[in-house]
């Protein structure tokens, strides 16, 4: 086999994807063992969150023309984000006066699902993958 027989393109990218996948799985495995609402869980969320924030802020910004399709898409995401934030704020305030299950937050709604260790691992993996995709774009 000669050097010309070796694939020239894609090998470094595959290595990066493999390393990112293994690191994500390892981090998700460790983070999924933390208890709910503990300092360990807060640190486990803060470390990748801060890493993504720093990497995103260091990346040079590029100008994007505001085409009508882009503006419509951005407007839809703004509405979705605001709806979610208002839901959480209302649920949090309702939780203080009425009770958790009459006005549940997203964390209260997801709590029964996240008791299973496999589901917690999958949720952590998906969350870390979403953050990685955000900094790769």
N, C-alpha and C. Protein backbone atom coordinates (compact mmCIF):
# COMPACT_ATOMS: atom_id res chain seq x y z
N UNK A 1 0.85 -1.17 0.00
CA UNK A 1 0.00 0.00 0.00
C UNK A 1 0.90 1.23 0.00
N UNK A 2 0.64 2.12 -0.90
CA UNK A 2 1.45 3.33 -1.00
C UNK A 2 0.72 4.50 -0.35
N UNK A 3 1.45 5.61 -0.28
CA UNK A 3 0.85 6.82 0.31
C UNK A 3 -0.30 7.33 -0.52
N UNK A 4 -0.28 7.04 -1.83
CA UNK A 4 -1.37 7.50 -2.70
C UNK A 4 -2.65 6.72 -2.47
N UNK A 5 -2.53 5.52 -1.90
CA UNK A 5 -3.71 4.71 -1.64
C UNK A 5 -4.48 5.18 -0.42
N UNK A 6 -3.84 5.94 0.44
CA UNK A 6 -4.47 6.44 1.67
C UNK A 6 -5.45 7.55 1.33
N UNK A 7 -6.58 7.60 2.03
CA UNK A 7 -7.50 8.72 1.80
C UNK A 7 -6.87 10.03 2.27
N UNK A 8 -6.97 11.05 1.45
CA UNK A 8 -6.32 12.32 1.78
C UNK A 8 -7.22 13.26 2.56
N UNK A 9 -8.50 13.21 2.29
CA UNK A 9 -9.41 14.19 2.88
C UNK A 9 -10.29 13.53 3.92
N UNK A 10 -10.65 14.28 4.95
CA UNK A 10 -11.60 13.80 5.94
C UNK A 10 -10.98 13.14 7.15
N UNK A 11 -9.74 12.72 7.09
CA UNK A 11 -9.14 12.01 8.21
C UNK A 11 -9.02 12.89 9.46
N UNK A 12 -8.49 14.11 9.37
CA UNK A 12 -8.44 14.95 10.58
C UNK A 12 -9.84 15.26 11.11
N UNK A 13 -10.78 15.50 10.23
CA UNK A 13 -12.15 15.81 10.67
C UNK A 13 -12.76 14.61 11.39
N UNK A 14 -12.52 13.43 10.87
CA UNK A 14 -13.04 12.23 11.54
C UNK A 14 -12.43 12.07 12.92
N UNK A 15 -11.16 12.39 13.04
CA UNK A 15 -10.49 12.29 14.34
C UNK A 15 -11.11 13.28 15.32
N UNK A 16 -11.39 14.49 14.86
CA UNK A 16 -12.01 15.50 15.73
C UNK A 16 -13.40 15.03 16.16
N UNK A 17 -14.16 14.50 15.22
CA UNK A 17 -15.51 14.01 15.55
C UNK A 17 -15.43 12.85 16.52
N UNK A 18 -14.49 11.96 16.32
CA UNK A 18 -14.33 10.81 17.22
C UNK A 18 -13.94 11.27 18.63
N UNK A 19 -12.99 12.19 18.72
CA UNK A 19 -12.57 12.70 20.03
C UNK A 19 -13.73 13.43 20.70
N UNK A 20 -14.46 14.24 19.94
CA UNK A 20 -15.61 14.97 20.50
C UNK A 20 -16.70 14.00 20.98
N UNK A 21 -16.91 12.94 20.23
CA UNK A 21 -17.93 11.96 20.62
C UNK A 21 -17.53 11.23 21.89
N UNK A 22 -16.28 10.81 21.97
CA UNK A 22 -15.80 10.10 23.17
C UNK A 22 -15.82 11.04 24.38
N UNK A 23 -15.37 12.28 24.18
CA UNK A 23 -15.36 13.24 25.29
C UNK A 23 -16.79 13.55 25.75
N UNK A 24 -17.71 13.68 24.81
CA UNK A 24 -19.11 13.93 25.15
C UNK A 24 -19.69 12.76 25.94
N UNK A 25 -19.44 11.56 25.48
CA UNK A 25 -19.96 10.37 26.18
C UNK A 25 -19.37 10.26 27.59
N UNK A 26 -18.07 10.52 27.72
CA UNK A 26 -17.44 10.43 29.04
C UNK A 26 -17.98 11.50 29.97
N UNK A 27 -18.10 12.73 29.47
CA UNK A 27 -18.61 13.81 30.31
C UNK A 27 -20.07 13.55 30.69
N UNK A 28 -20.87 13.08 29.73
CA UNK A 28 -22.27 12.78 30.01
C UNK A 28 -22.39 11.65 31.03
N UNK A 29 -21.52 10.66 30.95
CA UNK A 29 -21.55 9.56 31.92
C UNK A 29 -21.26 10.06 33.33
N UNK A 30 -20.26 10.93 33.46
CA UNK A 30 -19.92 11.46 34.79
C UNK A 30 -21.01 12.42 35.28
N UNK A 31 -21.46 13.32 34.40
CA UNK A 31 -22.44 14.32 34.80
C UNK A 31 -23.79 13.70 35.13
N UNK A 32 -24.13 12.60 34.49
CA UNK A 32 -25.43 11.99 34.76
C UNK A 32 -25.49 11.31 36.12
N UNK A 33 -24.35 11.18 36.77
CA UNK A 33 -24.35 10.58 38.12
C UNK A 33 -24.57 11.62 39.21
N UNK A 34 -24.55 12.91 38.85
CA UNK A 34 -24.76 13.95 39.87
C UNK A 34 -26.21 13.96 40.30
N UNK A 35 -26.43 14.37 41.53
CA UNK A 35 -27.79 14.46 42.05
C UNK A 35 -28.49 15.71 41.54
N UNK A 36 -29.79 15.65 41.55
CA UNK A 36 -30.60 16.78 41.10
C UNK A 36 -30.48 17.93 42.10
N UNK A 37 -30.31 19.14 41.60
CA UNK A 37 -30.21 20.35 42.42
C UNK A 37 -29.08 20.29 43.44
N UNK A 38 -27.93 19.80 43.00
CA UNK A 38 -26.75 19.76 43.86
C UNK A 38 -25.67 20.66 43.28
N UNK A 39 -24.65 20.90 44.07
CA UNK A 39 -23.53 21.70 43.59
C UNK A 39 -22.83 20.99 42.44
N UNK A 40 -22.70 19.69 42.52
CA UNK A 40 -22.07 18.92 41.45
C UNK A 40 -22.81 19.07 40.13
N UNK A 41 -24.13 19.04 40.19
CA UNK A 41 -24.93 19.22 38.97
C UNK A 41 -24.78 20.63 38.42
N UNK A 42 -24.73 21.61 39.30
CA UNK A 42 -24.56 23.00 38.85
C UNK A 42 -23.20 23.19 38.18
N UNK A 43 -22.17 22.59 38.75
CA UNK A 43 -20.84 22.68 38.15
C UNK A 43 -20.81 21.92 36.82
N UNK A 44 -21.47 20.77 36.78
CA UNK A 44 -21.51 19.98 35.55
C UNK A 44 -22.20 20.74 34.41
N UNK A 45 -23.17 21.57 34.73
CA UNK A 45 -23.84 22.40 33.72
C UNK A 45 -22.99 23.62 33.40
N UNK A 46 -22.36 24.21 34.40
CA UNK A 46 -21.62 25.46 34.21
C UNK A 46 -20.37 25.29 33.36
N UNK A 47 -19.68 24.17 33.50
CA UNK A 47 -18.42 23.99 32.78
C UNK A 47 -18.63 23.98 31.26
N UNK A 48 -19.49 23.13 30.70
CA UNK A 48 -19.68 23.19 29.25
C UNK A 48 -20.38 24.48 28.82
N UNK A 49 -21.26 25.01 29.65
CA UNK A 49 -21.93 26.27 29.30
C UNK A 49 -20.94 27.41 29.17
N UNK A 50 -20.03 27.50 30.13
CA UNK A 50 -19.01 28.56 30.07
C UNK A 50 -18.05 28.32 28.91
N UNK A 51 -17.72 27.08 28.64
CA UNK A 51 -16.83 26.76 27.52
C UNK A 51 -17.45 27.19 26.19
N UNK A 52 -18.71 26.86 25.99
CA UNK A 52 -19.41 27.25 24.76
C UNK A 52 -19.50 28.77 24.66
N UNK A 53 -19.77 29.44 25.78
CA UNK A 53 -19.86 30.91 25.75
C UNK A 53 -18.53 31.53 25.36
N UNK A 54 -17.44 31.04 25.94
CA UNK A 54 -16.12 31.60 25.62
C UNK A 54 -15.76 31.33 24.16
N UNK A 55 -15.97 30.11 23.70
CA UNK A 55 -15.64 29.79 22.31
C UNK A 55 -16.49 30.57 21.32
N UNK A 56 -17.74 30.80 21.67
CA UNK A 56 -18.62 31.57 20.79
C UNK A 56 -18.20 33.03 20.76
N UNK A 57 -17.83 33.60 21.88
CA UNK A 57 -17.43 35.00 21.91
C UNK A 57 -16.09 35.23 21.23
N UNK A 58 -15.22 34.25 21.22
CA UNK A 58 -13.90 34.39 20.59
C UNK A 58 -13.98 34.28 19.08
N UNK A 59 -15.02 33.64 18.57
CA UNK A 59 -15.15 33.44 17.14
C UNK A 59 -15.45 34.76 16.44
N UNK A 60 -14.78 35.05 15.34
CA UNK A 60 -15.07 36.30 14.64
C UNK A 60 -16.49 36.27 14.07
N UNK A 61 -17.15 37.40 14.17
CA UNK A 61 -18.51 37.45 13.64
C UNK A 61 -18.46 37.68 12.14
N UNK A 62 -19.44 37.15 11.48
CA UNK A 62 -19.53 37.37 10.04
C UNK A 62 -20.85 38.04 9.74
N UNK A 63 -20.82 38.88 8.77
CA UNK A 63 -22.02 39.61 8.40
C UNK A 63 -22.95 38.71 7.61
N UNK A 64 -24.22 38.74 7.96
CA UNK A 64 -25.23 37.97 7.27
C UNK A 64 -26.29 38.93 6.78
N UNK A 65 -26.60 38.84 5.52
CA UNK A 65 -27.65 39.71 4.99
C UNK A 65 -29.00 39.28 5.56
N UNK A 66 -29.76 40.26 5.97
CA UNK A 66 -31.08 39.98 6.56
C UNK A 66 -32.11 39.82 5.45
N UNK A 67 -32.18 38.63 4.89
CA UNK A 67 -33.16 38.34 3.87
C UNK A 67 -34.50 38.08 4.53
N UNK A 68 -35.60 38.20 3.79
CA UNK A 68 -36.93 38.00 4.40
C UNK A 68 -37.09 36.63 5.07
N UNK A 69 -36.52 35.59 4.47
CA UNK A 69 -36.63 34.26 5.06
C UNK A 69 -35.90 34.21 6.40
N UNK A 70 -34.72 34.83 6.45
CA UNK A 70 -33.96 34.87 7.69
C UNK A 70 -34.69 35.66 8.76
N UNK A 71 -35.28 36.78 8.39
CA UNK A 71 -36.03 37.58 9.37
C UNK A 71 -37.24 36.82 9.90
N UNK A 72 -37.95 36.12 9.02
CA UNK A 72 -39.11 35.34 9.47
C UNK A 72 -38.67 34.24 10.43
N UNK A 73 -37.59 33.54 10.08
CA UNK A 73 -37.09 32.48 10.95
C UNK A 73 -36.66 33.02 12.30
N UNK A 74 -35.97 34.15 12.29
CA UNK A 74 -35.53 34.76 13.54
C UNK A 74 -36.74 35.19 14.38
N UNK A 75 -37.74 35.74 13.73
CA UNK A 75 -38.95 36.17 14.45
C UNK A 75 -39.65 34.97 15.10
N UNK A 76 -39.70 33.87 14.39
CA UNK A 76 -40.34 32.67 14.94
C UNK A 76 -39.57 32.18 16.17
N UNK A 77 -38.23 32.14 16.09
CA UNK A 77 -37.44 31.69 17.22
C UNK A 77 -37.52 32.65 18.40
N UNK A 78 -37.65 33.93 18.14
CA UNK A 78 -37.83 34.90 19.22
C UNK A 78 -39.14 34.62 19.93
N UNK A 79 -40.20 34.36 19.18
CA UNK A 79 -41.50 34.06 19.79
C UNK A 79 -41.43 32.77 20.61
N UNK A 80 -40.78 31.75 20.07
CA UNK A 80 -40.65 30.48 20.81
C UNK A 80 -39.86 30.69 22.10
N UNK A 81 -38.74 31.42 22.01
CA UNK A 81 -37.91 31.65 23.20
C UNK A 81 -38.66 32.48 24.25
N UNK A 82 -39.33 33.52 23.81
CA UNK A 82 -40.09 34.35 24.76
C UNK A 82 -41.23 33.57 25.40
N UNK A 83 -41.89 32.73 24.62
CA UNK A 83 -42.97 31.90 25.18
C UNK A 83 -42.41 30.97 26.26
N UNK A 84 -41.28 30.35 25.98
CA UNK A 84 -40.66 29.47 26.97
C UNK A 84 -40.22 30.22 28.22
N UNK A 85 -39.63 31.39 28.03
CA UNK A 85 -39.21 32.19 29.19
C UNK A 85 -40.41 32.65 30.01
N UNK A 86 -41.47 33.07 29.35
CA UNK A 86 -42.68 33.48 30.08
C UNK A 86 -43.31 32.30 30.81
N UNK A 87 -43.31 31.13 30.17
CA UNK A 87 -43.83 29.93 30.83
C UNK A 87 -43.04 29.64 32.10
N UNK A 88 -41.72 29.65 31.98
CA UNK A 88 -40.88 29.36 33.14
C UNK A 88 -41.07 30.41 34.24
N UNK A 89 -41.12 31.68 33.87
CA UNK A 89 -41.30 32.74 34.87
C UNK A 89 -42.65 32.61 35.56
N UNK A 90 -43.69 32.39 34.79
CA UNK A 90 -45.02 32.22 35.39
C UNK A 90 -45.10 30.98 36.26
N UNK A 91 -44.50 29.90 35.82
CA UNK A 91 -44.51 28.67 36.61
C UNK A 91 -43.72 28.85 37.90
N UNK A 92 -42.59 29.54 37.81
CA UNK A 92 -41.77 29.77 39.00
C UNK A 92 -42.53 30.63 40.01
N UNK A 93 -43.16 31.70 39.53
CA UNK A 93 -43.92 32.56 40.45
C UNK A 93 -45.14 31.83 40.99
N UNK A 94 -45.80 31.04 40.17
CA UNK A 94 -46.95 30.25 40.63
C UNK A 94 -46.54 29.19 41.62
N UNK A 95 -45.34 28.66 41.44
CA UNK A 95 -44.82 27.63 42.34
C UNK A 95 -44.62 28.19 43.75
N UNK A 96 -44.29 29.47 43.84
CA UNK A 96 -44.07 30.08 45.16
C UNK A 96 -45.37 30.24 45.94
N UNK A 97 -46.49 30.40 45.24
CA UNK A 97 -47.75 30.66 45.93
C UNK A 97 -48.73 29.50 45.86
N UNK A 98 -48.74 28.76 44.76
CA UNK A 98 -49.77 27.75 44.56
C UNK A 98 -49.25 26.34 44.79
N UNK A 99 -48.15 25.99 44.21
CA UNK A 99 -47.60 24.64 44.35
C UNK A 99 -46.98 24.19 43.05
N UNK A 100 -46.08 23.26 43.16
CA UNK A 100 -45.32 22.84 42.00
C UNK A 100 -46.15 22.19 40.91
N UNK A 101 -47.11 21.39 41.25
CA UNK A 101 -47.79 20.59 40.23
C UNK A 101 -48.98 21.29 39.59
N UNK A 102 -49.42 22.39 40.15
CA UNK A 102 -50.50 23.13 39.50
C UNK A 102 -49.97 24.04 38.41
N UNK A 103 -48.76 24.53 38.56
CA UNK A 103 -48.08 25.36 37.56
C UNK A 103 -46.64 24.87 37.45
N UNK A 104 -46.42 23.73 36.78
CA UNK A 104 -45.08 23.12 36.80
C UNK A 104 -44.09 23.84 35.88
N UNK A 105 -42.84 23.86 36.31
CA UNK A 105 -41.75 24.32 35.45
C UNK A 105 -41.33 23.15 34.56
N UNK A 106 -40.49 23.43 33.60
CA UNK A 106 -40.02 22.37 32.70
C UNK A 106 -39.25 21.31 33.50
N UNK A 107 -38.47 21.74 34.47
CA UNK A 107 -37.72 20.78 35.27
C UNK A 107 -38.64 19.87 36.07
N UNK A 108 -39.76 20.38 36.55
CA UNK A 108 -40.72 19.55 37.28
C UNK A 108 -41.38 18.57 36.32
N UNK A 109 -41.68 19.02 35.09
CA UNK A 109 -42.29 18.14 34.11
C UNK A 109 -41.35 17.02 33.67
N UNK A 110 -40.05 17.31 33.60
CA UNK A 110 -39.08 16.32 33.14
C UNK A 110 -38.54 15.44 34.26
N UNK A 111 -38.76 15.80 35.51
CA UNK A 111 -38.20 15.06 36.65
C UNK A 111 -38.55 13.57 36.64
N UNK A 112 -39.81 13.18 36.38
CA UNK A 112 -40.09 11.73 36.36
C UNK A 112 -39.30 10.98 35.28
N UNK A 113 -39.07 11.62 34.14
CA UNK A 113 -38.33 10.96 33.07
C UNK A 113 -36.85 10.79 33.42
N UNK A 114 -36.30 11.76 34.14
CA UNK A 114 -34.86 11.78 34.40
C UNK A 114 -34.43 10.95 35.60
N UNK A 115 -35.34 10.19 36.18
CA UNK A 115 -34.95 9.31 37.29
C UNK A 115 -34.14 8.12 36.77
N UNK A 116 -34.42 7.68 35.56
CA UNK A 116 -33.71 6.56 34.97
C UNK A 116 -32.32 7.02 34.53
N UNK A 117 -31.29 6.28 34.91
CA UNK A 117 -29.90 6.66 34.62
C UNK A 117 -29.62 6.70 33.12
N UNK A 118 -30.20 5.80 32.37
CA UNK A 118 -29.98 5.77 30.92
C UNK A 118 -30.58 7.01 30.26
N UNK A 119 -31.74 7.42 30.71
CA UNK A 119 -32.38 8.61 30.16
C UNK A 119 -31.58 9.86 30.53
N UNK A 120 -31.08 9.90 31.76
CA UNK A 120 -30.24 11.04 32.17
C UNK A 120 -28.98 11.13 31.31
N UNK A 121 -28.36 9.99 31.04
CA UNK A 121 -27.18 9.96 30.18
C UNK A 121 -27.53 10.45 28.78
N UNK A 122 -28.65 9.98 28.23
CA UNK A 122 -29.06 10.41 26.89
C UNK A 122 -29.37 11.90 26.87
N UNK A 123 -30.02 12.42 27.91
CA UNK A 123 -30.33 13.84 27.97
C UNK A 123 -29.05 14.68 28.04
N UNK A 124 -28.09 14.26 28.86
CA UNK A 124 -26.81 14.97 28.94
C UNK A 124 -26.10 14.92 27.59
N UNK A 125 -26.10 13.77 26.95
CA UNK A 125 -25.43 13.64 25.65
C UNK A 125 -26.06 14.56 24.62
N UNK A 126 -27.37 14.60 24.56
CA UNK A 126 -28.05 15.48 23.61
C UNK A 126 -27.78 16.95 23.91
N UNK A 127 -27.76 17.31 25.18
CA UNK A 127 -27.50 18.70 25.56
C UNK A 127 -26.08 19.11 25.18
N UNK A 128 -25.11 18.23 25.44
CA UNK A 128 -23.73 18.52 25.07
C UNK A 128 -23.56 18.57 23.55
N UNK A 129 -24.22 17.68 22.83
CA UNK A 129 -24.15 17.69 21.37
C UNK A 129 -24.74 18.98 20.81
N UNK A 130 -25.83 19.44 21.38
CA UNK A 130 -26.44 20.69 20.92
C UNK A 130 -25.49 21.87 21.13
N UNK A 131 -24.81 21.90 22.26
CA UNK A 131 -23.83 22.96 22.50
C UNK A 131 -22.67 22.88 21.54
N UNK A 132 -22.21 21.68 21.24
CA UNK A 132 -21.11 21.51 20.29
C UNK A 132 -21.53 21.97 18.90
N UNK A 133 -22.76 21.65 18.51
CA UNK A 133 -23.24 22.09 17.20
C UNK A 133 -23.36 23.61 17.14
N UNK A 134 -23.71 24.23 18.25
CA UNK A 134 -23.81 25.69 18.27
C UNK A 134 -22.45 26.34 18.03
N UNK A 135 -21.39 25.80 18.60
CA UNK A 135 -20.08 26.43 18.40
C UNK A 135 -19.46 26.02 17.07
N UNK A 136 -19.91 24.97 16.44
CA UNK A 136 -19.37 24.55 15.16
C UNK A 136 -19.95 25.35 14.00
N UNK A 137 -21.08 25.98 14.19
CA UNK A 137 -21.72 26.72 13.08
C UNK A 137 -21.10 28.05 12.88
